[in-house]
């Protein structure tokens, strides 16, 4: 369904979509300000343009947070209304499960169908740490090493790569140190990937060929440059060494063992159905207006860089995997492998699919944000404090970012008020 839509995309609409690429895969890591601001602002609750923080400052304390899963709906509704997004959801996750959760608003702007906490949201580049986790599993199985090079993995086509890339390692791709340029606003690359045809495995190899001919932004290993292409290539690596699609590897190795039954790829919705939320974006042509869409604009070949949809509950299961691993309770991967995935390279604050920041009140936080343009989501894991925060909105751009920031502020405050 997603592929057929890409095939029929009108050129004008492609350009119009790409105008919004400033918010497409806005990807947190240490490079995304909105997630870092959440952790900085938890106490002061500074004002935002749409005033979600002012709304957050006025909510009452919830001393019963530890008694079970509590609703955040009342808090989230004030933020959603202030930021004027169709829907907003958030969860507080502790070491033994979900402590608080909520989802407010509508599945599609203009409809009366309310979102549910069991609805699925698109999490964009928060998918990257999942791809990194999958790579870690392959390292544990002996199918890869951190030092394995692209020439090692693709010996049959490596002669067609630019010489600079042949010795790029898996670890450099994971840490955004491959030399590949920051491609978040590159409309030329986007259109090339959007127009790929044929079986998905072949599209991913075509993507590798495209990526390996890009002008490097720096010598491999010398600079940190955020690259969606790099994580898409990691998906092709997974397929090359296992002989199974990245999607199937994700299902078998991550989603099924963790009981993430809702997790899937692409948009939560399809066609004209309102059984799941639709994404929303502000279009600038011919004038600014809110546009809803049942499918994402993500090229299927790039799914390893950011194309998972799931419920908050199932995302919480994934957050727990990494939260508890930092506390010495490791599942699916060796503790040493988790340690590598959670470690920054060189002097950067970029780990493998995570940004790393340290705060006086929370300790070291693993964080990321993601958006493909019509959705926005954030994840922050504070192992030393024993909790994680997830947020999601079905609108991208600044409004979605601000709404998620406000939701995370409320969630952090709720946790801190009871600890």
Protein backbone atom coordinates (compact mmCIF):
# COMPACT_ATOMS: atom_id res chain seq x y z
CA UNK A 1 0.00 0.00 0.00
CA UNK A 2 2.79 2.42 0.88
CA UNK A 3 4.74 1.52 -2.23
CA UNK A 4 1.74 2.07 -4.51
CA UNK A 5 1.24 5.52 -3.08
CA UNK A 6 4.84 6.47 -3.72
CA UNK A 7 4.48 5.35 -7.34
CA UNK A 8 1.53 7.69 -7.89
CA UNK A 9 2.97 10.71 -6.05
CA UNK A 10 2.65 13.87 -8.12
CA UNK A 11 5.88 15.83 -8.65
CA UNK A 12 4.39 19.00 -7.18
CA UNK A 13 3.33 17.17 -4.07
CA UNK A 14 6.78 15.65 -3.73
CA UNK A 15 8.31 19.10 -3.71
CA UNK A 16 5.67 20.35 -1.33
CA UNK A 17 6.35 17.47 1.05
CA UNK A 18 10.03 18.08 0.89
CA UNK A 19 9.62 21.74 1.76
CA UNK A 20 8.77 20.40 5.18
CA UNK A 21 11.88 18.31 5.42
CA UNK A 22 13.18 20.63 8.10
CA UNK A 23 10.96 18.68 10.42
CA UNK A 24 11.29 15.34 8.66
CA UNK A 25 13.15 12.79 10.76
CA UNK A 26 14.12 15.62 13.11
CA UNK A 27 15.88 12.90 15.03
CA UNK A 28 16.95 13.68 18.49
CA UNK A 29 20.20 12.20 19.62
CA UNK A 30 22.29 14.96 21.14
CA UNK A 31 21.53 16.88 17.96
CA UNK A 32 17.82 17.39 18.66
CA UNK A 33 17.16 20.28 21.01
CA UNK A 34 13.60 19.43 21.98
CA UNK A 35 14.46 16.27 23.92
CA UNK A 36 17.36 17.90 25.72
CA UNK A 37 15.14 20.82 26.65
CA UNK A 38 12.73 18.46 28.35
CA UNK A 39 15.36 17.31 30.78
CA UNK A 40 16.72 20.81 31.35
CA UNK A 41 13.29 22.36 31.96
CA UNK A 42 11.67 19.86 34.28
CA UNK A 43 11.98 22.14 37.32
CA UNK A 44 11.64 25.66 35.92
CA UNK A 45 8.87 24.86 33.40
CA UNK A 46 9.81 27.69 31.07
CA UNK A 47 7.34 29.15 28.63
CA UNK A 48 6.97 27.82 25.09
CA UNK A 49 5.34 29.44 22.07
CA UNK A 50 2.19 27.37 22.44
CA UNK A 51 2.43 27.55 26.25
CA UNK A 52 2.32 23.82 27.07
CA UNK A 53 4.79 24.43 29.87
CA UNK A 54 2.53 27.03 31.44
CA UNK A 55 -0.25 24.47 31.31
CA UNK A 56 2.07 21.88 32.86
CA UNK A 57 2.96 24.21 35.73
CA UNK A 58 -0.66 24.47 36.77
CA UNK A 59 -1.56 20.79 37.11
CA UNK A 60 -2.13 19.28 40.52
CA UNK A 61 0.19 16.74 42.09
CA UNK A 62 -0.61 13.05 41.69
CA UNK A 63 0.62 11.29 44.84
CA UNK A 64 -0.88 7.95 43.82
CA UNK A 65 1.34 7.49 40.78
CA UNK A 66 2.97 4.37 42.23
CA UNK A 67 -0.31 2.63 42.99
CA UNK A 68 -0.69 1.45 39.43
CA UNK A 69 -1.01 2.78 35.91
CA UNK A 70 -2.45 6.27 36.28
CA UNK A 71 -4.07 8.38 33.61
CA UNK A 72 -2.26 11.44 32.27
CA UNK A 73 -5.25 12.47 30.17
CA UNK A 74 -6.16 15.56 32.18
CA UNK A 75 -2.63 16.92 32.03
CA UNK A 76 -2.17 16.09 28.35
CA UNK A 77 -5.42 17.69 27.20
CA UNK A 78 -4.38 21.15 28.34
CA UNK A 79 -1.10 20.80 26.46
CA UNK A 80 -2.75 19.38 23.35
CA UNK A 81 -5.24 22.25 23.26
CA UNK A 82 -2.53 24.87 23.79
CA UNK A 83 -0.40 23.47 20.96
CA UNK A 84 -3.44 22.78 18.74
CA UNK A 85 -2.38 19.30 17.69
CA UNK A 86 -5.03 16.67 16.90
CA UNK A 87 -3.75 14.12 19.41
CA UNK A 88 -1.11 13.75 22.10
CA UNK A 89 0.01 10.72 24.09
CA UNK A 90 2.60 10.04 26.79
CA UNK A 91 3.75 7.37 29.21
CA UNK A 92 5.95 7.18 32.28
CA UNK A 93 7.81 3.87 32.48
CA UNK A 94 9.53 2.54 35.58
CA UNK A 95 11.70 -0.51 36.06
CA UNK A 96 8.75 -2.83 36.62
CA UNK A 97 6.37 -1.49 33.97
CA UNK A 98 4.19 1.47 33.01
CA UNK A 99 3.45 3.86 35.87
CA UNK A 100 1.31 6.43 34.07
CA UNK A 101 -0.09 6.80 30.58
CA UNK A 102 -2.54 8.88 28.62
CA UNK A 103 -3.79 9.70 25.12
CA UNK A 104 -6.07 12.62 24.24
CA UNK A 105 -7.49 14.23 21.13
CA UNK A 106 -8.77 12.79 17.87
CA UNK A 107 -7.44 10.34 15.33
CA UNK A 108 -7.99 12.79 12.48
CA UNK A 109 -8.50 16.54 12.58
CA UNK A 110 -12.15 17.33 12.02
CA UNK A 111 -13.36 13.90 13.12
CA UNK A 112 -14.99 13.00 16.41
CA UNK A 113 -13.17 9.70 16.86
CA UNK A 114 -11.07 9.96 20.00
CA UNK A 115 -7.62 8.41 20.27
CA UNK A 116 -7.14 5.56 22.71
CA UNK A 117 -4.09 4.59 24.74
CA UNK A 118 -4.14 1.39 22.69
CA UNK A 119 -3.74 3.30 19.39
CA UNK A 120 -0.52 3.15 17.41
CA UNK A 121 1.77 6.12 16.76
CA UNK A 122 4.58 6.55 14.26
CA UNK A 123 7.89 7.11 16.09
CA UNK A 124 10.15 8.17 13.21
CA UNK A 125 13.85 8.16 14.01
CA UNK A 126 13.26 6.64 17.43
CA UNK A 127 13.42 3.50 15.27
CA UNK A 128 17.19 3.97 14.94
CA UNK A 129 18.03 2.55 18.35
CA UNK A 130 15.94 -0.52 17.42
CA UNK A 131 18.05 -1.05 14.32
CA UNK A 132 21.16 -0.61 16.48
CA UNK A 133 19.80 -3.17 18.94
CA UNK A 134 19.35 -5.62 16.08
CA UNK A 135 22.95 -5.03 14.99
CA UNK A 136 24.03 -5.75 18.57
CA UNK A 137 22.25 -9.10 18.41
CA UNK A 138 24.17 -9.98 15.24
CA UNK A 139 27.42 -9.08 16.99
CA UNK A 140 26.49 -11.38 19.86
CA UNK A 141 25.77 -14.16 17.36
CA UNK A 142 29.16 -13.69 15.71
CA UNK A 143 27.68 -12.62 12.37
CA UNK A 144 29.19 -9.14 12.66
CA UNK A 145 31.93 -7.31 14.53
CA UNK A 146 31.91 -3.62 15.39
CA UNK A 147 34.98 -3.34 13.15
CA UNK A 148 33.46 -5.16 10.16
CA UNK A 149 33.81 -2.92 7.10
CA UNK A 150 31.46 -2.24 4.22
CA UNK A 151 33.97 -3.91 1.90
CA UNK A 152 33.77 -7.02 4.10
CA UNK A 153 29.98 -7.06 3.98
CA UNK A 154 29.48 -6.18 0.31
CA UNK A 155 32.57 -7.62 -1.45
CA UNK A 156 30.64 -8.14 -4.69
CA UNK A 157 29.77 -4.45 -5.12
CA UNK A 158 32.38 -2.65 -3.02
CA UNK A 159 34.44 -1.72 -6.07
CA UNK A 160 31.59 0.55 -7.06
CA UNK A 161 31.82 2.46 -3.76
CA UNK A 162 33.75 5.67 -3.38
CA UNK A 163 37.16 4.64 -1.96
CA UNK A 164 36.52 6.68 1.20
CA UNK A 165 33.63 4.44 2.19
CA UNK A 166 35.05 0.97 1.60
CA UNK A 167 36.69 0.78 5.02
CA UNK A 168 33.81 2.39 6.93
CA UNK A 169 32.90 0.14 9.86
CA UNK A 170 29.60 -0.95 11.32
CA UNK A 171 30.48 0.99 14.45
CA UNK A 172 31.06 4.20 12.50
CA UNK A 173 27.66 3.86 10.86
CA UNK A 174 26.04 3.30 14.26
CA UNK A 175 27.70 6.41 15.72
CA UNK A 176 27.11 8.63 12.67
CA UNK A 177 30.88 8.75 12.06
CA UNK A 178 30.88 7.23 8.56
CA UNK A 179 31.55 10.45 6.68
CA UNK A 180 28.13 10.30 5.03
CA UNK A 181 26.57 13.78 4.84
CA UNK A 182 23.64 14.97 6.91
CA UNK A 183 20.75 14.16 4.57
CA UNK A 184 17.76 15.40 6.53
CA UNK A 185 17.10 18.28 4.16
CA UNK A 186 18.43 16.82 0.93
CA UNK A 187 15.46 16.77 -1.44
CA UNK A 188 17.50 15.23 -4.27
CA UNK A 189 18.38 12.13 -2.24
CA UNK A 190 14.83 11.92 -0.91
CA UNK A 191 13.29 11.87 -4.39
CA UNK A 192 15.77 9.25 -5.58
CA UNK A 193 14.87 6.99 -2.67
CA UNK A 194 11.17 7.66 -3.08
CA UNK A 195 11.34 6.55 -6.70
CA UNK A 196 13.04 3.20 -6.05
CA UNK A 197 11.09 0.28 -7.49
CA UNK A 198 11.03 -3.48 -7.31
CA UNK A 199 11.39 -5.93 -4.40
CA UNK A 200 12.33 -4.26 -1.13
CA UNK A 201 15.63 -6.17 -0.82
CA UNK A 202 16.66 -4.85 -4.22
CA UNK A 203 15.63 -1.34 -3.27
CA UNK A 204 17.87 -1.50 -0.21
CA UNK A 205 20.84 -2.54 -2.33
CA UNK A 206 20.03 0.32 -4.72
CA UNK A 207 20.02 2.58 -1.66
CA UNK A 208 23.47 1.31 -0.68
CA UNK A 209 24.74 2.12 -4.18
CA UNK A 210 23.28 5.64 -3.95
CA UNK A 211 24.74 6.24 -0.51
CA UNK A 212 28.18 4.98 -1.43
CA UNK A 213 28.42 7.58 -4.22
CA UNK A 214 27.56 10.59 -2.07
CA UNK A 215 30.22 13.23 -1.55
CA UNK A 216 31.59 12.63 1.99
CA UNK A 217 31.09 15.47 4.44
CA UNK A 218 34.26 14.46 6.29
CA UNK A 219 36.81 11.68 6.38
CA UNK A 220 35.25 8.59 8.00
CA UNK A 221 35.78 8.51 11.75
CA UNK A 222 36.67 12.21 12.08
CA UNK A 223 33.32 13.94 12.55
CA UNK A 224 29.81 13.21 13.77
CA UNK A 225 27.24 13.93 11.04
CA UNK A 226 23.70 12.69 11.48
CA UNK A 227 22.83 10.38 8.59
CA UNK A 228 19.56 8.64 7.87
CA UNK A 229 21.32 6.99 4.94
CA UNK A 230 23.79 5.38 7.34
CA UNK A 231 21.03 3.68 9.33
CA UNK A 232 19.25 2.61 6.14
CA UNK A 233 22.51 0.97 5.05
CA UNK A 234 22.63 -0.80 8.43
CA UNK A 235 19.28 -2.34 7.46
CA UNK A 236 20.84 -3.62 4.23
CA UNK A 237 23.72 -5.03 6.30
CA UNK A 238 21.24 -6.94 8.47
CA UNK A 239 19.71 -8.42 5.33
CA UNK A 240 23.07 -9.32 3.77
CA UNK A 241 24.41 -11.23 6.79
CA UNK A 242 21.13 -12.98 7.75
CA UNK A 243 19.50 -13.54 4.37
CA UNK A 244 16.24 -12.28 5.89
CA UNK A 245 14.60 -8.87 5.54
CA UNK A 246 15.22 -6.19 8.15
CA UNK A 247 11.49 -6.19 8.87
CA UNK A 248 11.40 -9.92 9.53
CA UNK A 249 14.53 -9.70 11.67
CA UNK A 250 12.85 -7.00 13.74
CA UNK A 251 9.75 -9.12 14.21
CA UNK A 252 11.59 -12.33 15.12
CA UNK A 253 14.42 -10.90 17.20
CA UNK A 254 12.89 -7.87 18.92
CA UNK A 255 9.13 -7.46 18.66
CA UNK A 256 8.08 -11.06 19.33
CA UNK A 257 10.48 -11.78 22.24
CA UNK A 258 9.34 -8.56 23.96
CA UNK A 259 5.66 -9.16 23.27
CA UNK A 260 5.37 -6.02 21.13
CA UNK A 261 2.34 -7.32 19.26
CA UNK A 262 1.27 -3.93 17.89
CA UNK A 263 4.64 -3.02 16.39
CA UNK A 264 4.76 -2.73 12.63
CA UNK A 265 6.15 -0.65 9.79
CA UNK A 266 4.83 2.42 8.04
CA UNK A 267 1.77 4.40 9.01
CA UNK A 268 -0.55 3.19 11.79
CA UNK A 269 -3.47 3.73 9.39
CA UNK A 270 -4.24 2.93 5.77
CA UNK A 271 -6.75 3.99 3.15
CA UNK A 272 -9.69 5.92 4.56
CA UNK A 273 -9.97 3.91 7.77
CA UNK A 274 -10.09 5.78 11.07
CA UNK A 275 -9.38 2.71 13.16
CA UNK A 276 -5.95 4.23 13.86
CA UNK A 277 -4.65 7.82 14.01
CA UNK A 278 -3.71 9.74 10.87
CA UNK A 279 -0.65 11.96 10.59
CA UNK A 280 -0.89 15.73 10.14
CA UNK A 281 1.40 18.40 8.74
CA UNK A 282 1.29 22.06 7.84
CA UNK A 283 1.58 22.59 4.10
CA UNK A 284 2.89 25.87 2.70
CA UNK A 285 1.48 25.59 -0.83
CA UNK A 286 -0.62 27.32 -2.00
CA UNK A 287 -1.16 28.60 1.55
CA UNK A 288 -0.53 27.38 5.08
CA UNK A 289 -3.08 24.79 6.15
CA UNK A 290 -3.29 21.60 8.18
CA UNK A 291 -3.28 18.47 6.02
CA UNK A 292 -4.12 14.98 7.29
CA UNK A 293 -2.80 11.81 5.70
CA UNK A 294 -3.42 8.13 6.37
CA UNK A 295 0.03 7.08 5.15
CA UNK A 296 3.58 8.27 5.77
CA UNK A 297 5.94 9.89 3.28
CA UNK A 298 8.76 7.56 4.30
CA UNK A 299 10.44 5.68 1.42
CA UNK A 300 10.13 1.97 2.32
CA UNK A 301 13.84 1.29 1.73
CA UNK A 302 14.68 3.73 4.53
CA UNK A 303 12.55 2.05 7.20
CA UNK A 304 15.58 1.04 9.33
CA UNK A 305 16.26 4.75 9.88
CA UNK A 306 12.76 5.59 11.07
CA UNK A 307 9.54 3.85 10.12
CA UNK A 308 8.09 1.90 13.07
CA UNK A 309 4.58 2.39 14.45
CA UNK A 310 3.35 0.93 17.74
CA UNK A 311 1.33 1.53 20.88
CA UNK A 312 2.71 3.30 23.93
CA UNK A 313 2.47 0.08 25.92
CA UNK A 314 4.60 -1.83 23.44
CA UNK A 315 7.07 1.03 23.12
CA UNK A 316 7.34 0.92 26.91
CA UNK A 317 8.39 -2.74 26.66
CA UNK A 318 11.22 -1.67 24.40
CA UNK A 319 12.20 1.19 26.71
CA UNK A 320 12.33 -1.28 29.60
CA UNK A 321 14.77 -3.45 27.67
CA UNK A 322 17.30 -0.62 27.63
CA UNK A 323 16.37 0.89 31.01
CA UNK A 324 16.87 -2.38 32.86
CA UNK A 325 20.01 -3.28 30.91
CA UNK A 326 21.64 -0.15 32.32
CA UNK A 327 20.70 -1.45 35.74
CA UNK A 328 22.39 -4.81 35.09
CA UNK A 329 19.27 -6.74 34.08
CA UNK A 330 20.07 -7.66 30.47
CA UNK A 331 17.77 -9.48 28.05
CA UNK A 332 18.23 -10.44 24.40
CA UNK A 333 21.77 -8.99 24.29
CA UNK A 334 24.90 -9.38 26.38
CA UNK A 335 25.39 -6.66 28.99
CA UNK A 336 28.65 -5.70 27.29
CA UNK A 337 26.79 -5.24 24.03
CA UNK A 338 24.26 -2.95 25.67
CA UNK A 339 27.19 -1.05 27.13
CA UNK A 340 28.61 -0.52 23.66
CA UNK A 341 25.28 0.58 22.22
CA UNK A 342 24.84 3.10 25.01
CA UNK A 343 28.36 4.56 24.74
CA UNK A 344 29.32 7.68 22.85
CA UNK A 345 32.14 7.67 20.34
CA UNK A 346 35.13 9.97 20.66
CA UNK A 347 34.10 13.29 22.25
CA UNK A 348 30.58 13.35 20.88
CA UNK A 349 27.34 12.82 22.76
CA UNK A 350 26.09 10.33 20.18
CA UNK A 351 25.69 6.65 21.00
CA UNK A 352 24.20 3.93 18.78
CA UNK A 353 20.76 5.28 17.95
CA UNK A 354 20.78 7.42 21.09
CA UNK A 355 21.87 10.86 22.16
CA UNK A 356 23.64 11.05 25.52
CA UNK A 357 23.31 13.94 27.93
CA UNK A 358 24.02 14.19 31.63
CA UNK A 359 21.87 16.25 33.99
CA UNK A 360 22.31 16.94 37.69
CA UNK A 361 18.81 15.76 38.53
CA UNK A 362 18.62 12.70 36.28
CA UNK A 363 22.16 11.48 35.63
CA UNK A 364 22.99 10.21 32.14
CA UNK A 365 19.96 10.15 29.87
CA UNK A 366 19.55 8.17 26.65
CA UNK A 367 17.33 10.24 24.39
CA UNK A 368 16.00 10.53 20.87
CA UNK A 369 13.22 12.21 18.91
CA UNK A 370 11.76 11.37 15.54
CA UNK A 371 9.46 12.74 12.89
CA UNK A 372 8.85 11.92 9.24
CA UNK A 373 6.91 15.16 8.84
CA UNK A 374 3.39 14.20 9.94
CA UNK A 375 4.17 12.68 13.35
CA UNK A 376 6.43 13.51 16.28
CA UNK A 377 7.72 11.28 19.07
CA UNK A 378 10.35 11.33 21.81
CA UNK A 379 11.94 8.83 24.16
CA UNK A 380 14.11 9.58 27.16
CA UNK A 381 15.59 6.94 29.48
CA UNK A 382 17.11 7.91 32.84
CA UNK A 383 18.61 4.68 34.27
CA UNK A 384 20.01 6.27 37.41
CA UNK A 385 16.55 7.56 38.32
CA UNK A 386 14.89 4.33 37.19
CA UNK A 387 12.37 5.71 34.73
CA UNK A 388 11.72 6.55 31.09
CA UNK A 389 9.35 8.95 29.34
CA UNK A 390 7.65 8.39 25.98
CA UNK A 391 5.64 10.97 24.06
CA UNK A 392 3.90 10.98 20.69
CA UNK A 393 1.74 13.29 18.60
CA UNK A 394 -0.01 12.77 15.27
CA UNK A 395 1.24 16.12 14.01
CA UNK A 396 4.79 16.90 12.93
CA UNK A 397 6.62 20.21 12.75
CA UNK A 398 7.04 22.75 15.57
CA UNK A 399 3.56 22.14 17.00
CA UNK A 400 4.18 18.41 17.41
CA UNK A 401 7.61 19.06 18.86
CA UNK A 402 6.31 21.58 21.40
CA UNK A 403 3.39 19.34 22.36
CA UNK A 404 5.69 16.39 22.99
CA UNK A 405 8.03 18.60 24.99
CA UNK A 406 5.16 19.77 27.16
CA UNK A 407 3.96 16.19 27.62
CA UNK A 408 7.41 15.08 28.69
CA UNK A 409 7.63 17.98 31.14
CA UNK A 410 4.40 16.86 32.77
CA UNK A 411 5.49 13.22 32.81
CA UNK A 412 8.84 14.11 34.39
CA UNK A 413 7.15 16.25 37.01
CA UNK A 414 4.70 13.49 37.83
CA UNK A 415 7.56 11.08 38.42
CA UNK A 416 9.64 13.47 40.47
CA UNK A 417 6.70 14.50 42.67
CA UNK A 418 6.41 10.91 43.89
CA UNK A 419 10.12 10.13 44.36
